[in-house]
């Protein structure tokens, strides 16, 4: 069994080939500040570029201990992070994106906060050096996330965090598919610390965090952590029943008073279409919950490891 370390850093990697030299230089700087009891774990999440090859060539020459993992395919950033967390040996474990939009120095502060007694430390965005449209869409996204999923999440969202070994172990006992890793961290509770920072503009490459992925993640989070869709559906159902009862009384009164001689074709079609659409909406919402529950009953692994290599610098035993 390998000895425990003080600090671990987990870095999910996807389409970051051009960013590898700057990423390794930044992590080498973290190693100098945190000391030799430090490791970095790179999880290449089925990246179609040469990210794995670049890391495989460069890591043996780095001054810090490292592990390079290649997953069998693209399982998603949060699944890759969970995989890396499961391999970490540090008593304090941080997670950082490979695009360096979060200041690397923030990793040190987050790890120190956990070392000082916090169970989990989050980097909270107070600003971002991104285009105006990107900022507006991000603010709207996290506003909906806070309203529908987890009110405790900071307004600007979370992209970087650190946890204690105890919280990591608790997190890994939640092997849910199609869920939210961040919401799970907040659900676990514990002592939290928040460190503000300004998100940097991406200098190399394009973000893989597309609108489609954001929408999918928001839906997974909603269906995994709130019954809001069911409550909305229930409210619409009550409204529909109320409207139908009122209309039934109106039609009955009109019929008895002789104002309606022949049933209205248009009204009948409108009622059929309304309740048909309403039923389709309800089945879609319920089906989303059923599908996610079914996925979890399969108990498939969230990731499949294809290859793993460990690199230890000559200065370490």
C-alpha atoms as a PDB file:
ATOM      1  CA  UNK A   1       0.000   0.000   0.000  1.00  0.00           C
ATOM      2  CA  UNK A   2       1.400   3.404  -0.970  1.00  0.00           C
ATOM      3  CA  UNK A   3       2.014   5.916   1.828  1.00  0.00           C
ATOM      4  CA  UNK A   4      -0.363   8.812   2.388  1.00  0.00           C
ATOM      5  CA  UNK A   5       0.590  12.288   1.260  1.00  0.00           C
ATOM      6  CA  UNK A   6      -0.355  15.713   2.516  1.00  0.00           C
ATOM      7  CA  UNK A   7      -1.775  17.064  -0.746  1.00  0.00           C
ATOM      8  CA  UNK A   8      -3.289  15.697  -3.933  1.00  0.00           C
ATOM      9  CA  UNK A   9      -4.395  17.592  -7.018  1.00  0.00           C
ATOM     10  CA  UNK A  10      -6.875  16.049  -9.472  1.00  0.00           C
ATOM     11  CA  UNK A  11      -6.933  17.461 -13.008  1.00  0.00           C
ATOM     12  CA  UNK A  12      -9.486  16.214 -15.578  1.00  0.00           C
ATOM     13  CA  UNK A  13      -8.103  16.569 -19.098  1.00  0.00           C
ATOM     14  CA  UNK A  14     -10.147  16.859 -22.286  1.00  0.00           C
ATOM     15  CA  UNK A  15      -9.009  18.650 -25.444  1.00  0.00           C
ATOM     16  CA  UNK A  16      -6.132  20.379 -23.644  1.00  0.00           C
ATOM     17  CA  UNK A  17      -3.234  19.333 -25.855  1.00  0.00           C
ATOM     18  CA  UNK A  18      -1.940  22.856 -26.479  1.00  0.00           C
ATOM     19  CA  UNK A  19      -2.268  23.774 -22.819  1.00  0.00           C
ATOM     20  CA  UNK A  20      -0.119  20.958 -21.392  1.00  0.00           C
ATOM     21  CA  UNK A  21       3.209  22.893 -21.085  1.00  0.00           C
ATOM     22  CA  UNK A  22       1.597  25.812 -19.238  1.00  0.00           C
ATOM     23  CA  UNK A  23      -0.418  23.424 -17.056  1.00  0.00           C
ATOM     24  CA  UNK A  24       2.656  21.440 -15.984  1.00  0.00           C
ATOM     25  CA  UNK A  25       4.596  24.645 -15.280  1.00  0.00           C
ATOM     26  CA  UNK A  26       1.779  25.871 -13.046  1.00  0.00           C
ATOM     27  CA  UNK A  27       1.600  22.571 -11.154  1.00  0.00           C
ATOM     28  CA  UNK A  28       5.384  22.569 -10.718  1.00  0.00           C
ATOM     29  CA  UNK A  29       4.966  25.959  -9.044  1.00  0.00           C
ATOM     30  CA  UNK A  30       2.339  24.493  -6.701  1.00  0.00           C
ATOM     31  CA  UNK A  31       4.744  21.684  -5.855  1.00  0.00           C
ATOM     32  CA  UNK A  32       7.458  24.160  -4.905  1.00  0.00           C
ATOM     33  CA  UNK A  33       5.056  25.954  -2.590  1.00  0.00           C
ATOM     34  CA  UNK A  34       3.385  22.904  -1.027  1.00  0.00           C
ATOM     35  CA  UNK A  35       6.496  20.762  -0.642  1.00  0.00           C
ATOM     36  CA  UNK A  36       7.430  17.210  -1.606  1.00  0.00           C
ATOM     37  CA  UNK A  37       4.384  15.579   0.025  1.00  0.00           C
ATOM     38  CA  UNK A  38       2.340  16.421  -3.063  1.00  0.00           C
ATOM     39  CA  UNK A  39       1.020  14.521  -6.052  1.00  0.00           C
ATOM     40  CA  UNK A  40      -0.918  15.365  -9.202  1.00  0.00           C
ATOM     41  CA  UNK A  41      -3.411  12.999 -10.822  1.00  0.00           C
ATOM     42  CA  UNK A  42      -4.276  13.600 -14.473  1.00  0.00           C
ATOM     43  CA  UNK A  43      -7.407  11.874 -15.740  1.00  0.00           C
ATOM     44  CA  UNK A  44      -7.625  11.976 -19.532  1.00  0.00           C
ATOM     45  CA  UNK A  45     -11.342  11.633 -20.212  1.00  0.00           C
ATOM     46  CA  UNK A  46     -11.304  10.032 -23.652  1.00  0.00           C
ATOM     47  CA  UNK A  47      -9.760  13.148 -25.180  1.00  0.00           C
ATOM     48  CA  UNK A  48      -9.582  12.870 -28.992  1.00  0.00           C
ATOM     49  CA  UNK A  49      -6.414  14.991 -29.249  1.00  0.00           C
ATOM     50  CA  UNK A  50      -2.860  14.174 -28.158  1.00  0.00           C
ATOM     51  CA  UNK A  51      -3.312  15.246 -24.516  1.00  0.00           C
ATOM     52  CA  UNK A  52      -2.460  11.776 -23.200  1.00  0.00           C
ATOM     53  CA  UNK A  53       0.643  11.431 -25.336  1.00  0.00           C
ATOM     54  CA  UNK A  54       1.877  14.900 -24.358  1.00  0.00           C
ATOM     55  CA  UNK A  55       1.452  14.128 -20.661  1.00  0.00           C
ATOM     56  CA  UNK A  56       3.003  10.693 -21.033  1.00  0.00           C
ATOM     57  CA  UNK A  57       6.114  12.271 -22.550  1.00  0.00           C
ATOM     58  CA  UNK A  58       6.395  15.199 -20.150  1.00  0.00           C
ATOM     59  CA  UNK A  59       5.492  13.772 -16.735  1.00  0.00           C
ATOM     60  CA  UNK A  60       8.676  11.680 -16.162  1.00  0.00           C
ATOM     61  CA  UNK A  61      10.711  14.923 -16.199  1.00  0.00           C
ATOM     62  CA  UNK A  62       8.491  16.791 -13.725  1.00  0.00           C
ATOM     63  CA  UNK A  63       9.658  17.474 -10.136  1.00  0.00           C
ATOM     64  CA  UNK A  64       6.418  16.189  -8.564  1.00  0.00           C
ATOM     65  CA  UNK A  65       4.941  12.713  -8.197  1.00  0.00           C
ATOM     66  CA  UNK A  66       2.128  12.100 -10.628  1.00  0.00           C
ATOM     67  CA  UNK A  67      -0.330   9.548 -11.948  1.00  0.00           C
ATOM     68  CA  UNK A  68      -1.647   9.544 -15.501  1.00  0.00           C
ATOM     69  CA  UNK A  69      -4.969   7.800 -16.114  1.00  0.00           C
ATOM     70  CA  UNK A  70      -6.610   7.226 -19.475  1.00  0.00           C
ATOM     71  CA  UNK A  71     -10.313   6.413 -19.424  1.00  0.00           C
ATOM     72  CA  UNK A  72     -11.746   4.087 -22.057  1.00  0.00           C
ATOM     73  CA  UNK A  73     -13.978   6.824 -23.492  1.00  0.00           C
ATOM     74  CA  UNK A  74     -15.412  10.225 -22.646  1.00  0.00           C
ATOM     75  CA  UNK A  75     -17.483   9.742 -19.480  1.00  0.00           C
ATOM     76  CA  UNK A  76     -17.791  13.447 -18.649  1.00  0.00           C
ATOM     77  CA  UNK A  77     -15.755  15.824 -16.500  1.00  0.00           C
ATOM     78  CA  UNK A  78     -17.468  14.995 -13.214  1.00  0.00           C
ATOM     79  CA  UNK A  79     -17.082  11.246 -13.680  1.00  0.00           C
ATOM     80  CA  UNK A  80     -13.398  11.838 -14.446  1.00  0.00           C
ATOM     81  CA  UNK A  81     -13.039  13.942 -11.303  1.00  0.00           C
ATOM     82  CA  UNK A  82     -14.625  11.188  -9.194  1.00  0.00           C
ATOM     83  CA  UNK A  83     -12.190   8.688 -10.688  1.00  0.00           C
ATOM     84  CA  UNK A  84      -9.260  10.908  -9.798  1.00  0.00           C
ATOM     85  CA  UNK A  85     -10.583  11.510  -6.288  1.00  0.00           C
ATOM     86  CA  UNK A  86     -10.718   7.752  -5.754  1.00  0.00           C
ATOM     87  CA  UNK A  87      -7.011   7.462  -6.609  1.00  0.00           C
ATOM     88  CA  UNK A  88      -5.820  10.410  -4.505  1.00  0.00           C
ATOM     89  CA  UNK A  89      -3.591   9.643  -1.495  1.00  0.00           C
ATOM     90  CA  UNK A  90      -3.529  13.126   0.018  1.00  0.00           C
ATOM     91  CA  UNK A  91      -5.162  14.106   3.283  1.00  0.00           C
ATOM     92  CA  UNK A  92      -6.272  17.270   1.481  1.00  0.00           C
ATOM     93  CA  UNK A  93      -7.410  16.926  -2.129  1.00  0.00           C
ATOM     94  CA  UNK A  94      -8.008  19.732  -4.633  1.00  0.00           C
ATOM     95  CA  UNK A  95      -9.602  19.668  -8.084  1.00  0.00           C
ATOM     96  CA  UNK A  96      -8.514  22.080 -10.813  1.00  0.00           C
ATOM     97  CA  UNK A  97      -9.472  22.410 -14.491  1.00  0.00           C
ATOM     98  CA  UNK A  98      -6.716  21.979 -17.058  1.00  0.00           C
ATOM     99  CA  UNK A  99      -7.528  25.195 -18.937  1.00  0.00           C
ATOM    100  CA  UNK A 100      -5.986  27.418 -16.199  1.00  0.00           C
ATOM    101  CA  UNK A 101      -8.956  29.799 -16.116  1.00  0.00           C
ATOM    102  CA  UNK A 102      -8.805  29.483 -12.335  1.00  0.00           C
ATOM    103  CA  UNK A 103      -5.615  30.963 -10.819  1.00  0.00           C
ATOM    104  CA  UNK A 104      -3.324  28.057  -9.808  1.00  0.00           C
ATOM    105  CA  UNK A 105      -2.418  29.922  -6.613  1.00  0.00           C
ATOM    106  CA  UNK A 106      -6.036  29.445  -5.556  1.00  0.00           C
ATOM    107  CA  UNK A 107      -5.321  25.717  -5.171  1.00  0.00           C
ATOM    108  CA  UNK A 108      -2.867  26.450  -2.377  1.00  0.00           C
ATOM    109  CA  UNK A 109      -5.373  28.632  -0.532  1.00  0.00           C
ATOM    110  CA  UNK A 110      -8.121  26.012  -0.814  1.00  0.00           C
ATOM    111  CA  UNK A 111      -5.847  23.242   0.440  1.00  0.00           C
ATOM    112  CA  UNK A 112      -4.728  25.422   3.363  1.00  0.00           C
ATOM    113  CA  UNK A 113      -8.357  26.090   4.292  1.00  0.00           C
ATOM    114  CA  UNK A 114      -9.089  22.361   4.394  1.00  0.00           C
ATOM    115  CA  UNK A 115      -5.881  21.736   6.312  1.00  0.00           C
ATOM    116  CA  UNK A 116      -7.008  24.405   8.780  1.00  0.00           C
ATOM    117  CA  UNK A 117     -10.240  22.596   9.619  1.00  0.00           C
ATOM    118  CA  UNK A 118     -12.727  23.064   6.779  1.00  0.00           C
ATOM    119  CA  UNK A 119     -14.292  19.921   5.354  1.00  0.00           C
ATOM    120  CA  UNK A 120     -14.616  21.441   1.902  1.00  0.00           C
ATOM    121  CA  UNK A 121     -13.360  24.704   0.409  1.00  0.00           C
ATOM    122  CA  UNK A 122     -14.865  26.262  -2.704  1.00  0.00           C
ATOM    123  CA  UNK A 123     -13.465  28.886  -5.039  1.00  0.00           C
ATOM    124  CA  UNK A 124     -16.247  31.420  -5.617  1.00  0.00           C
ATOM    125  CA  UNK A 125     -16.180  33.574  -8.731  1.00  0.00           C
ATOM    126  CA  UNK A 126     -16.524  37.287  -7.990  1.00  0.00           C
ATOM    127  CA  UNK A 127     -15.894  38.170 -11.616  1.00  0.00           C
ATOM    128  CA  UNK A 128     -14.786  36.666 -14.898  1.00  0.00           C
ATOM    129  CA  UNK A 129     -12.670  38.017 -17.748  1.00  0.00           C
ATOM    130  CA  UNK A 130     -14.944  36.563 -20.433  1.00  0.00           C
ATOM    131  CA  UNK A 131     -16.981  38.181 -23.236  1.00  0.00           C
ATOM    132  CA  UNK A 132     -20.142  39.976 -22.109  1.00  0.00           C
ATOM    133  CA  UNK A 133     -22.495  37.413 -23.683  1.00  0.00           C
ATOM    134  CA  UNK A 134     -20.660  34.537 -22.023  1.00  0.00           C
ATOM    135  CA  UNK A 135     -20.881  36.276 -18.636  1.00  0.00           C
ATOM    136  CA  UNK A 136     -24.593  36.958 -19.064  1.00  0.00           C
ATOM    137  CA  UNK A 137     -25.385  33.367 -20.041  1.00  0.00           C
ATOM    138  CA  UNK A 138     -23.291  32.007 -17.176  1.00  0.00           C
ATOM    139  CA  UNK A 139     -25.017  34.280 -14.646  1.00  0.00           C
ATOM    140  CA  UNK A 140     -28.427  33.193 -15.939  1.00  0.00           C
ATOM    141  CA  UNK A 141     -27.424  29.538 -15.791  1.00  0.00           C
ATOM    142  CA  UNK A 142     -26.220  29.658 -12.200  1.00  0.00           C
ATOM    143  CA  UNK A 143     -29.206  31.759 -11.180  1.00  0.00           C
ATOM    144  CA  UNK A 144     -31.508  28.989 -12.404  1.00  0.00           C
ATOM    145  CA  UNK A 145     -29.277  26.416 -10.717  1.00  0.00           C
ATOM    146  CA  UNK A 146     -29.538  28.201  -7.372  1.00  0.00           C
ATOM    147  CA  UNK A 147     -33.302  28.609  -7.701  1.00  0.00           C
ATOM    148  CA  UNK A 148     -34.141  25.095  -8.867  1.00  0.00           C
ATOM    149  CA  UNK A 149     -31.415  22.840  -7.463  1.00  0.00           C
ATOM    150  CA  UNK A 150     -29.180  24.043  -4.639  1.00  0.00           C
ATOM    151  CA  UNK A 151     -29.686  27.508  -3.084  1.00  0.00           C
ATOM    152  CA  UNK A 152     -26.391  27.203  -1.155  1.00  0.00           C
ATOM    153  CA  UNK A 153     -24.242  27.200  -4.290  1.00  0.00           C
ATOM    154  CA  UNK A 154     -22.466  30.567  -4.811  1.00  0.00           C
ATOM    155  CA  UNK A 155     -23.982  32.946  -7.345  1.00  0.00           C
ATOM    156  CA  UNK A 156     -21.134  32.586  -9.807  1.00  0.00           C
ATOM    157  CA  UNK A 157     -20.975  28.806  -9.589  1.00  0.00           C
ATOM    158  CA  UNK A 158     -18.045  26.584  -8.622  1.00  0.00           C
ATOM    159  CA  UNK A 159     -15.270  25.278 -10.878  1.00  0.00           C
ATOM    160  CA  UNK A 160     -12.533  24.598  -8.324  1.00  0.00           C
ATOM    161  CA  UNK A 161     -12.659  23.098  -4.843  1.00  0.00           C
ATOM    162  CA  UNK A 162     -10.757  21.103  -2.245  1.00  0.00           C
ATOM    163  CA  UNK A 163     -11.993  18.448   0.183  1.00  0.00           C
ATOM    164  CA  UNK A 164     -10.701  16.543   3.156  1.00  0.00           C
ATOM    165  CA  UNK A 165     -10.037  12.842   2.890  1.00  0.00           C
ATOM    166  CA  UNK A 166     -13.123  12.175   5.028  1.00  0.00           C
ATOM    167  CA  UNK A 167     -15.417  14.122   2.691  1.00  0.00           C
ATOM    168  CA  UNK A 168     -13.829  12.423  -0.320  1.00  0.00           C
ATOM    169  CA  UNK A 169     -14.588   9.020   1.210  1.00  0.00           C
ATOM    170  CA  UNK A 170     -18.180  10.041   1.921  1.00  0.00           C
ATOM    171  CA  UNK A 171     -18.585  11.383  -1.617  1.00  0.00           C
ATOM    172  CA  UNK A 172     -17.429   8.111  -3.145  1.00  0.00           C
ATOM    173  CA  UNK A 173     -20.192   6.265  -1.277  1.00  0.00           C
ATOM    174  CA  UNK A 174     -22.706   8.054  -3.550  1.00  0.00           C
ATOM    175  CA  UNK A 175     -22.280   6.155  -6.833  1.00  0.00           C
ATOM    176  CA  UNK A 176     -25.183   7.842  -8.610  1.00  0.00           C
ATOM    177  CA  UNK A 177     -25.262   8.164 -12.380  1.00  0.00           C
ATOM    178  CA  UNK A 178     -26.613  11.303 -14.095  1.00  0.00           C
ATOM    179  CA  UNK A 179     -26.241  13.511 -11.054  1.00  0.00           C
ATOM    180  CA  UNK A 180     -24.388  16.636  -9.917  1.00  0.00           C
ATOM    181  CA  UNK A 181     -21.040  16.274  -8.189  1.00  0.00           C
ATOM    182  CA  UNK A 182     -21.201  19.843  -6.869  1.00  0.00           C
ATOM    183  CA  UNK A 183     -24.709  19.382  -5.504  1.00  0.00           C
ATOM    184  CA  UNK A 184     -23.526  16.186  -3.806  1.00  0.00           C
ATOM    185  CA  UNK A 185     -20.734  18.127  -2.091  1.00  0.00           C
ATOM    186  CA  UNK A 186     -23.230  20.655  -0.744  1.00  0.00           C
ATOM    187  CA  UNK A 187     -25.652  17.872   0.204  1.00  0.00           C
ATOM    188  CA  UNK A 188     -22.934  16.215   2.315  1.00  0.00           C
ATOM    189  CA  UNK A 189     -22.784  19.309   4.521  1.00  0.00           C
ATOM    190  CA  UNK A 190     -19.834  19.837   6.868  1.00  0.00           C
ATOM    191  CA  UNK A 191     -17.767  22.938   7.497  1.00  0.00           C
ATOM    192  CA  UNK A 192     -17.420  25.013   4.354  1.00  0.00           C
ATOM    193  CA  UNK A 193     -14.951  27.696   3.382  1.00  0.00           C
ATOM    194  CA  UNK A 194     -15.287  30.052   0.421  1.00  0.00           C
ATOM    195  CA  UNK A 195     -12.378  31.773  -1.301  1.00  0.00           C
ATOM    196  CA  UNK A 196     -13.253  34.530  -3.822  1.00  0.00           C
ATOM    197  CA  UNK A 197     -11.362  34.920  -7.094  1.00  0.00           C
ATOM    198  CA  UNK A 198     -11.684  36.377 -10.594  1.00  0.00           C
ATOM    199  CA  UNK A 199     -11.906  33.822 -13.379  1.00  0.00           C
ATOM    200  CA  UNK A 200      -9.343  34.361 -16.116  1.00  0.00           C
ATOM    201  CA  UNK A 201     -10.034  34.411 -19.840  1.00  0.00           C
ATOM    202  CA  UNK A 202      -9.173  31.218 -21.659  1.00  0.00           C
ATOM    203  CA  UNK A 203      -5.982  31.821 -23.641  1.00  0.00           C
ATOM    204  CA  UNK A 204      -5.608  28.527 -25.523  1.00  0.00           C
ATOM    205  CA  UNK A 205      -8.252  26.425 -27.234  1.00  0.00           C
ATOM    206  CA  UNK A 206     -12.010  26.441 -26.827  1.00  0.00           C
ATOM    207  CA  UNK A 207     -14.110  25.307 -23.905  1.00  0.00           C
ATOM    208  CA  UNK A 208     -15.690  21.848 -24.187  1.00  0.00           C
ATOM    209  CA  UNK A 209     -18.387  22.964 -21.742  1.00  0.00           C
ATOM    210  CA  UNK A 210     -20.997  23.545 -24.453  1.00  0.00           C
ATOM    211  CA  UNK A 211     -24.564  24.779 -24.061  1.00  0.00           C
ATOM    212  CA  UNK A 212     -25.817  21.242 -24.656  1.00  0.00           C
ATOM    213  CA  UNK A 213     -23.645  19.879 -21.851  1.00  0.00           C
ATOM    214  CA  UNK A 214     -24.736  22.683 -19.526  1.00  0.00           C
ATOM    215  CA  UNK A 215     -28.394  21.976 -20.257  1.00  0.00           C
ATOM    216  CA  UNK A 216     -27.867  18.251 -19.681  1.00  0.00           C
ATOM    217  CA  UNK A 217     -26.079  18.955 -16.410  1.00  0.00           C
ATOM    218  CA  UNK A 218     -28.847  21.298 -15.260  1.00  0.00           C
ATOM    219  CA  UNK A 219     -31.470  18.651 -16.035  1.00  0.00           C
ATOM    220  CA  UNK A 220     -29.485  15.945 -14.234  1.00  0.00           C
ATOM    221  CA  UNK A 221     -29.152  18.232 -11.224  1.00  0.00           C
ATOM    222  CA  UNK A 222     -32.855  19.126 -11.175  1.00  0.00           C
ATOM    223  CA  UNK A 223     -34.058  15.543 -11.420  1.00  0.00           C
ATOM    224  CA  UNK A 224     -31.464  14.295  -8.890  1.00  0.00           C
ATOM    225  CA  UNK A 225     -31.890  16.935  -6.179  1.00  0.00           C
ATOM    226  CA  UNK A 226     -35.353  18.448  -6.336  1.00  0.00           C
ATOM    227  CA  UNK A 227     -38.964  17.446  -6.858  1.00  0.00           C
ATOM    228  CA  UNK A 228     -39.734  20.787  -8.528  1.00  0.00           C
ATOM    229  CA  UNK A 229     -40.924  19.234 -11.837  1.00  0.00           C
ATOM    230  CA  UNK A 230     -43.329  16.964  -9.953  1.00  0.00           C
ATOM    231  CA  UNK A 231     -44.653  19.889  -7.912  1.00  0.00           C
ATOM    232  CA  UNK A 232     -45.089  21.986 -11.057  1.00  0.00           C
ATOM    233  CA  UNK A 233     -46.883  19.090 -12.737  1.00  0.00           C
ATOM    234  CA  UNK A 234     -49.103  18.643  -9.673  1.00  0.00           C
ATOM    235  CA  UNK A 235     -49.944  22.351  -9.666  1.00  0.00           C
ATOM    236  CA  UNK A 236     -50.775  22.306 -13.372  1.00  0.00           C
ATOM    237  CA  UNK A 237     -52.925  19.249 -12.799  1.00  0.00           C
ATOM    238  CA  UNK A 238     -54.892  20.979 -10.046  1.00  0.00           C
ATOM    239  CA  UNK A 239     -55.281  24.032 -12.253  1.00  0.00           C
ATOM    240  CA  UNK A 240     -56.506  21.888 -15.142  1.00  0.00           C
ATOM    241  CA  UNK A 241     -58.990  20.066 -12.947  1.00  0.00           C
ATOM    242  CA  UNK A 242     -60.278  23.373 -11.576  1.00  0.00           C
ATOM    243  CA  UNK A 243     -60.656  24.912 -15.038  1.00  0.00           C
ATOM    244  CA  UNK A 244     -62.357  21.743 -16.306  1.00  0.00           C
ATOM    245  CA  UNK A 245     -64.806  21.720 -13.393  1.00  0.00           C
ATOM    246  CA  UNK A 246     -65.706  25.376 -13.967  1.00  0.00           C
ATOM    247  CA  UNK A 247     -66.180  24.805 -17.693  1.00  0.00           C
ATOM    248  CA  UNK A 248     -68.294  21.733 -16.984  1.00  0.00           C
ATOM    249  CA  UNK A 249     -70.588  23.768 -14.740  1.00  0.00           C
ATOM    250  CA  UNK A 250     -70.853  26.508 -17.390  1.00  0.00           C
ATOM    251  CA  UNK A 251     -71.649  24.013 -20.129  1.00  0.00           C
ATOM    252  CA  UNK A 252     -74.182  22.206 -17.914  1.00  0.00           C
ATOM    253  CA  UNK A 253     -75.911  25.470 -16.993  1.00  0.00           C
ATOM    254  CA  UNK A 254     -75.996  26.556 -20.643  1.00  0.00           C
ATOM    255  CA  UNK A 255     -77.402  23.197 -21.683  1.00  0.00           C
ATOM    256  CA  UNK A 256     -80.143  23.255 -19.041  1.00  0.00           C
ATOM    257  CA  UNK A 257     -81.091  26.837 -19.936  1.00  0.00           C
ATOM    258  CA  UNK A 258     -81.373  25.983 -23.612  1.00  0.00           C
ATOM    259  CA  UNK A 259     -78.507  28.181 -24.803  1.00  0.00           C
ATOM    260  CA  UNK A 260     -76.585  25.215 -26.243  1.00  0.00           C
ATOM    261  CA  UNK A 261     -78.404  23.202 -28.847  1.00  0.00           C
ATOM    262  CA  UNK A 262     -75.477  21.394 -30.476  1.00  0.00           C
ATOM    263  CA  UNK A 263     -72.142  20.618 -28.762  1.00  0.00           C
ATOM    264  CA  UNK A 264     -69.343  22.841 -30.075  1.00  0.00           C
ATOM    265  CA  UNK A 265     -66.811  21.087 -32.269  1.00  0.00           C
ATOM    266  CA  UNK A 266     -64.098  23.699 -31.696  1.00  0.00           C
ATOM    267  CA  UNK A 267     -64.430  23.567 -27.922  1.00  0.00           C
ATOM    268  CA  UNK A 268     -64.205  19.778 -27.959  1.00  0.00           C
ATOM    269  CA  UNK A 269     -61.040  19.810 -30.081  1.00  0.00           C
ATOM    270  CA  UNK A 270     -59.414  22.460 -27.876  1.00  0.00           C
ATOM    271  CA  UNK A 271     -60.106  20.458 -24.721  1.00  0.00           C
ATOM    272  CA  UNK A 272     -58.741  17.265 -26.299  1.00  0.00           C
ATOM    273  CA  UNK A 273     -55.580  19.025 -27.492  1.00  0.00           C
ATOM    274  CA  UNK A 274     -55.033  20.721 -24.126  1.00  0.00           C
ATOM    275  CA  UNK A 275     -55.258  17.558 -22.087  1.00  0.00           C
ATOM    276  CA  UNK A 276     -53.324  15.565 -24.677  1.00  0.00           C
ATOM    277  CA  UNK A 277     -50.415  18.012 -24.446  1.00  0.00           C
ATOM    278  CA  UNK A 278     -50.723  18.087 -20.680  1.00  0.00           C
ATOM    279  CA  UNK A 279     -50.544  14.295 -20.490  1.00  0.00           C
ATOM    280  CA  UNK A 280     -47.495  14.259 -22.771  1.00  0.00           C
ATOM    281  CA  UNK A 281     -45.763  16.803 -20.535  1.00  0.00           C
ATOM    282  CA  UNK A 282     -46.536  14.771 -17.444  1.00  0.00           C
ATOM    283  CA  UNK A 283     -45.309  11.537 -19.002  1.00  0.00           C
ATOM    284  CA  UNK A 284     -42.100  13.275 -20.061  1.00  0.00           C
ATOM    285  CA  UNK A 285     -41.373  14.539 -16.556  1.00  0.00           C
ATOM    286  CA  UNK A 286     -42.205  11.230 -14.890  1.00  0.00           C
ATOM    287  CA  UNK A 287     -40.229   9.395 -17.559  1.00  0.00           C
ATOM    288  CA  UNK A 288     -37.154  11.500 -16.761  1.00  0.00           C
ATOM    289  CA  UNK A 289     -37.293  10.390 -13.132  1.00  0.00           C
ATOM    290  CA  UNK A 290     -37.950   6.758 -14.094  1.00  0.00           C
ATOM    291  CA  UNK A 291     -35.063   6.697 -16.573  1.00  0.00           C
ATOM    292  CA  UNK A 292     -32.605   8.064 -14.037  1.00  0.00           C
ATOM    293  CA  UNK A 293     -33.800   5.613 -11.402  1.00  0.00           C
ATOM    294  CA  UNK A 294     -33.428   2.788 -13.930  1.00  0.00           C
ATOM    295  CA  UNK A 295     -29.887   3.886 -14.786  1.00  0.00           C
ATOM    296  CA  UNK A 296     -28.927   3.717 -11.118  1.00  0.00           C
ATOM    297  CA  UNK A 297     -30.416   0.236 -10.687  1.00  0.00           C
ATOM    298  CA  UNK A 298     -27.993  -1.067 -13.340  1.00  0.00           C
ATOM    299  CA  UNK A 299     -25.087  -0.188 -11.010  1.00  0.00           C
ATOM    300  CA  UNK A 300     -22.694   0.161 -13.901  1.00  0.00           C
ATOM    301  CA  UNK A 301     -19.314   1.723 -13.078  1.00  0.00           C
ATOM    302  CA  UNK A 302     -19.251   5.472 -13.673  1.00  0.00           C
ATOM    303  CA  UNK A 303     -15.879   5.193 -15.429  1.00  0.00           C
ATOM    304  CA  UNK A 304     -13.751   2.464 -16.973  1.00  0.00           C
ATOM    305  CA  UNK A 305     -10.000   2.783 -16.685  1.00  0.00           C
ATOM    306  CA  UNK A 306      -8.048   1.815 -19.765  1.00  0.00           C
ATOM    307  CA  UNK A 307      -4.522   2.607 -18.581  1.00  0.00           C
ATOM    308  CA  UNK A 308      -2.786   4.089 -15.542  1.00  0.00           C
ATOM    309  CA  UNK A 309       0.864   5.025 -15.047  1.00  0.00           C
ATOM    310  CA  UNK A 310       2.682   6.432 -12.027  1.00  0.00           C
ATOM    311  CA  UNK A 311       5.680   8.751 -12.328  1.00  0.00           C
ATOM    312  CA  UNK A 312       8.025   9.463  -9.419  1.00  0.00           C
ATOM    313  CA  UNK A 313      10.854  12.009  -9.710  1.00  0.00           C
ATOM    314  CA  UNK A 314      14.366  10.894  -8.846  1.00  0.00           C
ATOM    315  CA  UNK A 315      14.388  13.158  -5.771  1.00  0.00           C
ATOM    316  CA  UNK A 316      11.625  11.103  -4.131  1.00  0.00           C
ATOM    317  CA  UNK A 317      12.011   7.604  -2.693  1.00  0.00           C
END
